[in-house]
Amino acid sequence: MPSRAATAIPAAIVVLVFAAHFAGLITSFDSRWSIPTARSILHEGNISFTIHFRGAHRRSAWDWNSQPVDVDVDPTRIWDWRDPQFLRGLTRR
């Protein structure tokens, strides 16, 4: 259940920002910042969707937990950026 809550946080923030705007808590958006902010939110949303989609639908991402060594046996693999889970299957490893 915590992972489901973690994936909902970015969407919840976007909804809360729009709700605060329509409730009058945010009175104006500076036009210099609104377009870059919207692009940033869309870009981050696309990255998040891609990473989560690969984790849910690609067997190679699932196999990362046990190959070459089980993560429970060697937990230092979690912090090793030479073989991140979300890139498994796209890299040569």
Foldseek 3Di string as FASTA:
>chain_A
DVVVVVLCVLVVVVVVVVVCPVVCVDPDDDPVVPVVVVVVSVVVVVVSVLLVCCCVPPVQLVCVCPPPHHCVVPVVVPVDPVDHSSCGVVDPD
